[in-house]
Amino acid sequence: MTRASEAAAALSPEEFYAEFTRRNAGVVTERQQRALSTATVLVAGCGSVGGAAVEPLTRLGVRDFVLAEPDTFELNNLNRQQATFRDLGRNKAEVAAERVLAINPHARVRVHTEGVTQQNVFELTSSCDLIVDGVDVTTASGWQAKHALHRLASLRRLPLITGWDMAGVQYVQCYDYRHVPEPFNGLVTEDDLRRYGVWELIFKAIPVQLIPPDMLTEVAPNLTNQDYSVPQVIYAAVMFGAITSHMAARLLAGEEVRDEVHLDLHEQVRPATHRRMNRAEAESLLFALRRTSALGLGSPDPEKDEQPGANGEGTRKAIR
C-alpha cells in the first residue's frame, strides 16, 4: 500500500465517504448525495448495459449493491464491457463486485450468479430502492426474466431504469413504478411473451423512429441466423452508465426525470447536413424488413401486417 492508501484505509467509513464524494459537491446536491449513500441498488444483468452502470454509480456514491448475472466474460465482450483479459471465463457479477470494492472498500455487495429468475426475483427486489435493468433480451428466457423483474418492480412500486445500445445510440427508459401503472407501461405484456419472438418483442419495446437506420439494415438479413450477434460498441454502453447514474441520483432523492433519454452519438458527430430518417420512413423500412424476413420478426404472417399510412401511423401500435 502507498502512504495515501494507508491514510485512506485508516479513516472510518463515514470519514472515507465524505472525502470520497467531496468533489461531487456543487453538481450532486446534498439531498441526492444522502439518498445515494443510503440506497440499495439492484443491477440485474452486468453485461453491456448493466455493467456500464456499476462503476459510475459507485463513484457517484452508491455503497450498497445487489448484482445479478449468470454469464461469464467472453473475448468478444472486451470491446465494450467492464472487464480485462484476466477476467475471461469469470462471472460478470463477481467481477463487477470486485470493482466496486476496489473503489470503495466500505461498500456492501451481494452477488447472485444465477442471474434473475422466476424463482429469485422476489428476493432480489425485496431490499432494493432502485433497479437497473440490464437483463439480456436475445433469448425467450431472457424476456421472461426481464418481464418478471418489471412485474415485481411494479408490485413494489420501485423506480427502474433500462437501456438499449444500438450502433451509436443509447436509448434509456425510466419506468418509475411509483407512478407507472403496469409493467413496461403496457408496451410488452405477458400475453406478448407467449405470442411473439425475440425480435418482435424488441420492436414493441423501442419506438421504431429511434432505431438507427443503419442498425435496421444491418439486422434485417440476419433475423433468421441463430448465431447472429447484434453489433455493440463501447461508447454506446458508456453513455448508459453516465445517464443512469444521474437519473438514479435524482430518482432516489425523490426528484423527477424524463421517461426516456435518446442520445445518438453518430448523429451529433456527423456533419449538420446529414438528414435523419423521420418516423414514416422508419416505419416503412421496418415494414419492408417484415416482408423480406422469413422470420417476420415473430409475426405469424408479415404479409398480413398493415402498411403504415402516409403520416407514418400504422395500425400496429406495438412497434412504438
Protein backbone atom coordinates (compact mmCIF):
# COMPACT_ATOMS: atom_id res chain seq x y z
CA MET A 1 0.00 0.00 0.00
CA THR A 2 1.06 3.57 -0.63
CA ARG A 3 1.01 6.24 2.05
CA ALA A 4 -2.13 7.70 0.51
CA SER A 5 -3.96 4.39 0.54
CA GLU A 6 -2.81 3.68 4.10
CA ALA A 7 -4.16 7.06 5.19
CA ALA A 8 -7.48 6.40 3.43
CA ALA A 9 -7.71 2.93 4.99
CA ALA A 10 -7.31 4.46 8.46
CA LEU A 11 -10.45 6.58 8.01
CA SER A 12 -13.80 5.50 9.40
CA PRO A 13 -16.43 4.50 6.78
CA GLU A 14 -18.17 7.88 7.17
CA GLU A 15 -14.93 9.84 7.01
CA PHE A 16 -13.92 7.86 3.93
CA TYR A 17 -17.28 8.53 2.26
CA ALA A 18 -17.18 12.25 2.99
CA GLU A 19 -13.76 12.65 1.36
CA PHE A 20 -14.57 10.15 -1.40
CA THR A 21 -17.59 12.17 -2.54
CA ARG A 22 -16.20 15.65 -1.77
CA ARG A 23 -15.68 16.56 -5.43
CA ASN A 24 -19.31 15.68 -6.20
CA ALA A 25 -20.42 18.73 -4.23
CA GLY A 26 -21.78 21.52 -6.39
CA VAL A 27 -23.02 19.07 -9.02
CA VAL A 28 -24.64 16.41 -6.87
CA THR A 29 -26.90 18.09 -4.33
CA GLU A 30 -26.69 17.30 -0.61
CA ARG A 31 -30.09 15.66 -0.81
CA GLN A 32 -29.03 13.48 -3.73
CA GLN A 33 -25.78 12.51 -2.01
CA ARG A 34 -27.62 11.46 1.15
CA ALA A 35 -30.03 9.39 -0.92
CA LEU A 36 -27.19 7.71 -2.81
CA SER A 37 -25.37 6.92 0.43
CA THR A 38 -28.30 5.03 1.95
CA ALA A 39 -29.81 3.40 -1.14
CA THR A 40 -29.63 -0.23 -2.19
CA VAL A 41 -29.42 -0.59 -5.98
CA LEU A 42 -30.15 -3.82 -7.82
CA VAL A 43 -28.23 -4.18 -11.07
CA ALA A 44 -29.95 -7.01 -12.90
CA GLY A 45 -27.61 -8.09 -15.67
CA CYS A 46 -23.98 -6.98 -15.55
CA GLY A 47 -23.09 -7.09 -19.24
CA SER A 48 -23.01 -4.22 -21.75
CA VAL A 49 -25.82 -2.16 -20.22
CA GLY A 50 -25.98 -3.09 -16.55
CA GLY A 51 -22.23 -3.49 -16.24
CA ALA A 52 -21.70 0.01 -17.61
CA ALA A 53 -23.75 1.47 -14.75
CA VAL A 54 -21.96 -0.19 -11.82
CA GLU A 55 -18.79 1.91 -11.72
CA PRO A 56 -20.44 5.33 -12.29
CA LEU A 57 -22.98 4.55 -9.57
CA THR A 58 -20.17 3.52 -7.22
CA ARG A 59 -18.14 6.65 -7.89
CA LEU A 60 -21.22 8.85 -7.51
CA GLY A 61 -21.80 7.41 -4.05
CA VAL A 62 -23.92 4.25 -4.06
CA ARG A 63 -22.43 1.87 -1.50
CA ASP A 64 -24.97 -0.96 -1.29
CA PHE A 65 -25.42 -3.17 -4.37
CA VAL A 66 -27.22 -6.34 -5.35
CA LEU A 67 -25.65 -7.68 -8.56
CA ALA A 68 -27.29 -10.48 -10.56
CA GLU A 69 -25.78 -12.07 -13.68
CA PRO A 70 -25.48 -15.71 -14.82
CA ASP A 71 -23.00 -15.27 -17.68
CA THR A 72 -19.23 -15.23 -17.83
CA PHE A 73 -16.96 -12.95 -19.85
CA GLU A 74 -16.02 -13.96 -23.39
CA LEU A 75 -13.32 -12.44 -25.55
CA ASN A 76 -15.87 -10.64 -27.76
CA ASN A 77 -17.22 -8.85 -24.66
CA LEU A 78 -13.97 -6.96 -24.07
CA ASN A 79 -14.67 -4.40 -26.81
CA ARG A 80 -17.32 -2.75 -24.62
CA GLN A 81 -17.80 -4.39 -21.21
CA GLN A 82 -16.09 -3.60 -17.93
CA ALA A 83 -13.55 -6.42 -17.90
CA THR A 84 -9.97 -7.28 -18.79
CA PHE A 85 -8.21 -10.24 -20.38
CA ARG A 86 -7.71 -11.81 -16.95
CA ASP A 87 -11.47 -11.79 -16.37
CA LEU A 88 -12.27 -14.12 -19.28
CA GLY A 89 -14.34 -17.06 -18.08
CA ARG A 90 -15.30 -15.32 -14.83
CA ASN A 91 -18.83 -14.44 -13.77
CA LYS A 92 -19.67 -10.85 -14.71
CA ALA A 93 -21.39 -10.01 -11.42
CA GLU A 94 -18.42 -11.27 -9.40
CA VAL A 95 -16.03 -9.15 -11.44
CA ALA A 96 -18.29 -6.11 -11.03
CA ALA A 97 -18.41 -6.70 -7.27
CA GLU A 98 -14.62 -6.72 -7.08
CA ARG A 99 -14.54 -3.44 -8.99
CA VAL A 100 -16.97 -1.83 -6.54
CA LEU A 101 -14.89 -2.90 -3.54
CA ALA A 102 -11.65 -1.84 -5.23
CA ILE A 103 -13.11 1.68 -5.48
CA ASN A 104 -14.88 1.79 -2.11
CA PRO A 105 -13.75 -0.93 0.32
CA HIS A 106 -16.59 0.03 2.68
CA ALA A 107 -19.27 -0.79 0.13
CA ARG A 108 -21.63 -3.74 0.56
CA VAL A 109 -22.16 -6.03 -2.43
CA ARG A 110 -24.31 -9.14 -2.70
CA VAL A 111 -23.82 -11.28 -5.79
CA HIS A 112 -26.28 -13.67 -7.41
CA THR A 113 -24.52 -15.72 -10.06
CA GLU A 114 -27.79 -17.38 -11.10
CA GLY A 115 -28.97 -14.04 -12.52
CA VAL A 116 -32.63 -13.04 -12.50
CA THR A 117 -35.04 -15.97 -12.48
CA GLN A 118 -38.72 -16.52 -11.86
CA GLN A 119 -37.71 -18.17 -8.58
CA ASN A 120 -35.43 -15.47 -7.13
CA VAL A 121 -36.87 -12.21 -8.46
CA PHE A 122 -38.95 -11.68 -5.32
CA GLU A 123 -35.85 -11.97 -3.14
CA LEU A 124 -33.72 -9.81 -5.43
CA THR A 125 -36.15 -6.91 -5.27
CA SER A 126 -37.04 -7.24 -1.59
CA SER A 127 -34.47 -4.80 -0.21
CA CYS A 128 -33.66 -2.51 -3.13
CA ASP A 129 -34.66 1.12 -3.65
CA LEU A 130 -33.91 1.29 -7.37
CA ILE A 131 -33.41 -1.23 -10.20
CA VAL A 132 -31.06 -1.03 -13.16
CA ASP A 133 -32.39 -3.48 -15.73
CA GLY A 134 -29.66 -4.86 -17.95
CA VAL A 135 -31.24 -8.28 -18.47
CA ASP A 136 -30.31 -9.85 -21.81
CA VAL A 137 -33.16 -9.83 -24.36
CA THR A 138 -31.64 -12.06 -27.03
CA THR A 139 -33.50 -15.16 -25.79
CA ALA A 140 -37.06 -16.02 -24.82
CA SER A 141 -35.91 -16.93 -21.30
CA GLY A 142 -34.25 -13.52 -21.04
CA TRP A 143 -37.53 -11.83 -21.88
CA GLN A 144 -39.33 -13.96 -19.29
CA ALA A 145 -36.82 -12.87 -16.64
CA LYS A 146 -36.98 -9.24 -17.74
CA HIS A 147 -40.76 -9.17 -17.58
CA ALA A 148 -40.75 -10.83 -14.15
CA LEU A 149 -38.37 -8.13 -12.96
CA HIS A 150 -40.70 -5.38 -14.19
CA ARG A 151 -43.73 -7.09 -12.66
CA LEU A 152 -42.05 -7.14 -9.24
CA ALA A 153 -40.87 -3.55 -9.65
CA SER A 154 -44.44 -2.58 -10.43
CA LEU A 155 -45.76 -4.56 -7.48
CA ARG A 156 -43.24 -2.97 -5.10
CA ARG A 157 -43.59 0.48 -6.72
CA LEU A 158 -39.86 0.82 -7.43
CA PRO A 159 -38.18 3.07 -9.99
CA LEU A 160 -36.46 1.11 -12.77
CA ILE A 161 -34.01 2.24 -15.44
CA THR A 162 -33.24 0.22 -18.55
CA GLY A 163 -31.41 0.93 -21.78
CA TRP A 164 -30.77 -0.14 -25.35
CA ASP A 165 -27.46 0.45 -27.11
CA MET A 166 -27.94 0.44 -30.86
CA ALA A 167 -24.96 1.38 -33.06
CA GLY A 168 -24.14 4.92 -31.84
CA VAL A 169 -27.43 5.33 -29.98
CA GLN A 170 -28.14 4.95 -26.30
CA TYR A 171 -31.85 4.90 -25.56
CA VAL A 172 -32.61 4.96 -21.85
CA GLN A 173 -36.08 4.34 -20.47
CA CYS A 174 -37.20 5.12 -16.94
CA TYR A 175 -40.19 3.20 -15.67
CA ASP A 176 -40.88 4.86 -12.34
CA TYR A 177 -43.33 2.30 -10.99
CA ARG A 178 -44.26 4.66 -8.20
CA HIS A 179 -46.30 6.30 -10.95
CA VAL A 180 -46.30 3.96 -13.99
CA PRO A 181 -49.38 1.71 -13.64
CA GLU A 182 -48.23 -1.55 -15.27
CA PRO A 183 -45.08 -3.38 -16.47
CA PHE A 184 -43.48 -1.69 -19.48
CA ASN A 185 -46.39 0.76 -19.28
CA GLY A 186 -48.36 -1.81 -21.26
CA LEU A 187 -45.97 -1.96 -24.22
CA VAL A 188 -44.99 -5.60 -23.57
CA THR A 189 -47.50 -7.90 -21.85
CA GLU A 190 -47.32 -11.45 -20.53
CA ASP A 191 -49.51 -12.49 -23.45
CA ASP A 192 -46.98 -10.93 -25.84
CA LEU A 193 -44.27 -13.19 -24.38
CA ARG A 194 -46.30 -16.20 -25.49
CA ARG A 195 -47.25 -14.82 -28.90
CA TYR A 196 -44.11 -13.18 -30.24
CA GLY A 197 -40.48 -13.95 -30.88
CA VAL A 198 -37.48 -12.07 -29.53
CA TRP A 199 -37.22 -9.53 -32.34
CA GLU A 200 -40.89 -8.64 -32.31
CA LEU A 201 -40.73 -8.06 -28.57
CA ILE A 202 -37.74 -5.76 -29.02
CA PHE A 203 -39.60 -3.73 -31.63
CA LYS A 204 -42.57 -3.46 -29.29
CA ALA A 205 -40.37 -2.02 -26.54
CA ILE A 206 -38.40 0.50 -28.65
CA PRO A 207 -40.02 3.31 -30.68
CA VAL A 208 -39.10 2.44 -34.23
CA GLN A 209 -38.15 6.01 -35.18
CA LEU A 210 -35.40 5.94 -32.55
CA ILE A 211 -33.64 2.91 -34.03
CA PRO A 212 -30.72 3.96 -36.24
CA PRO A 213 -31.44 3.14 -39.90
CA ASP A 214 -28.01 1.54 -40.26
CA MET A 215 -28.91 -0.79 -37.38
CA LEU A 216 -32.17 -1.80 -39.05
CA THR A 217 -30.43 -2.57 -42.33
CA GLU A 218 -27.66 -4.47 -40.50
CA VAL A 219 -30.11 -6.61 -38.57
CA ALA A 220 -32.50 -7.35 -41.44
CA PRO A 221 -30.57 -10.10 -43.27
CA ASN A 222 -29.65 -11.79 -40.00
CA LEU A 223 -33.05 -12.21 -38.38
CA THR A 224 -33.13 -15.95 -39.05
CA ASN A 225 -29.48 -16.51 -38.21
CA GLN A 226 -29.40 -18.18 -34.79
CA ASP A 227 -25.66 -17.44 -34.42
CA TYR A 228 -26.02 -13.73 -35.14
CA SER A 229 -24.86 -11.21 -32.52
CA VAL A 230 -26.05 -7.61 -32.70
CA PRO A 231 -23.07 -5.23 -33.03
CA GLN A 232 -22.39 -3.18 -29.89
CA VAL A 233 -19.63 -0.67 -29.16
CA ILE A 234 -18.06 0.87 -26.07
CA TYR A 235 -19.25 4.46 -26.47
CA ALA A 236 -22.92 3.48 -26.55
CA ALA A 237 -22.51 1.39 -23.39
CA VAL A 238 -20.61 4.14 -21.57
CA MET A 239 -23.42 6.60 -22.29
CA PHE A 240 -25.83 4.33 -20.41
CA GLY A 241 -23.65 4.44 -17.31
CA ALA A 242 -23.45 8.23 -17.40
CA ILE A 243 -27.17 8.77 -17.93
CA THR A 244 -28.22 6.14 -15.41
CA SER A 245 -26.03 7.45 -12.60
CA HIS A 246 -27.55 10.94 -12.86
CA MET A 247 -31.07 9.55 -13.21
CA ALA A 248 -30.50 7.38 -10.13
CA ALA A 249 -29.37 10.34 -8.04
CA ARG A 250 -32.50 12.27 -8.93
CA LEU A 251 -34.91 9.35 -8.53
CA LEU A 252 -33.50 8.32 -5.16
CA ALA A 253 -33.82 11.92 -3.96
CA GLY A 254 -37.48 11.96 -4.99
CA GLU A 255 -36.91 14.21 -7.99
CA GLU A 256 -38.50 13.83 -11.41
CA VAL A 257 -36.68 12.63 -14.53
CA ARG A 258 -37.67 12.20 -18.15
CA ASP A 259 -39.36 8.96 -19.11
CA GLU A 260 -36.78 8.48 -21.84
CA VAL A 261 -33.46 9.86 -22.98
CA HIS A 262 -32.24 9.26 -26.52
CA LEU A 263 -28.65 10.15 -27.46
CA ASP A 264 -27.31 9.47 -30.94
CA LEU A 265 -23.56 10.00 -30.85
CA HIS A 266 -23.18 9.33 -34.56
CA GLU A 267 -25.81 11.96 -35.31
CA GLN A 268 -24.07 14.51 -33.10
CA VAL A 269 -20.69 13.94 -34.75
CA ARG A 270 -21.81 13.78 -38.39
CA PRO A 271 -21.89 17.00 -40.44
CA ALA A 272 -25.02 19.08 -39.90
CA THR A 273 -26.08 18.44 -43.50
CA HIS A 274 -26.82 14.79 -42.65
CA ARG A 275 -30.59 14.26 -42.53
CA ARG A 276 -32.13 11.88 -40.02
CA MET A 277 -34.83 9.42 -41.06
CA ASN A 278 -38.32 10.52 -39.99
CA ARG A 279 -40.97 8.30 -38.39
CA ALA A 280 -42.82 7.49 -41.62
CA GLU A 281 -39.59 6.47 -43.35
CA ALA A 282 -38.51 4.36 -40.38
CA GLU A 283 -41.83 2.53 -40.22
CA SER A 284 -41.75 1.95 -43.98
CA LEU A 285 -38.28 0.44 -43.63
CA LEU A 286 -39.43 -1.76 -40.77
CA PHE A 287 -42.43 -2.90 -42.82
CA ALA A 288 -40.06 -3.82 -45.66
CA LEU A 289 -37.96 -5.83 -43.22
CA ARG A 290 -41.06 -7.74 -42.13
CA ARG A 291 -41.92 -8.59 -45.73
CA THR A 292 -38.44 -9.75 -46.67
CA SER A 293 -37.66 -11.60 -43.45
CA ALA A 294 -38.63 -15.26 -43.37
CA LEU A 295 -38.96 -14.89 -39.60
CA GLY A 296 -41.27 -11.91 -39.88
CA LEU A 297 -39.85 -10.56 -36.61
CA GLY A 298 -42.06 -13.03 -34.81
CA SER A 299 -45.29 -12.14 -36.62
CA PRO A 300 -47.34 -15.16 -37.74
CA ASP A 301 -47.69 -13.69 -41.22
CA PRO A 302 -45.84 -10.50 -42.16
CA GLU A 303 -47.83 -10.28 -45.41
CA LYS A 304 -50.93 -9.52 -43.33
CA ASP A 305 -49.35 -6.63 -41.43
CA GLU A 306 -50.97 -3.41 -42.49
CA GLN A 307 -48.70 -0.87 -44.08
CA PRO A 308 -48.19 2.45 -42.28
CA GLY A 309 -50.27 5.32 -43.61
CA ALA A 310 -48.94 8.47 -45.18
CA ASN A 311 -48.42 10.01 -41.75
CA GLY A 312 -46.44 7.00 -40.56
CA GLU A 313 -49.21 5.96 -38.13
CA GLY A 314 -49.68 2.30 -38.97
CA THR A 315 -52.23 0.15 -37.18
CA ARG A 316 -49.55 -1.98 -35.45
CA LYS A 317 -49.11 0.21 -32.37
CA ALA A 318 -46.87 -2.46 -30.89
CA ILE A 319 -43.79 -1.15 -32.69
CA ARG A 320 -43.85 2.18 -30.84
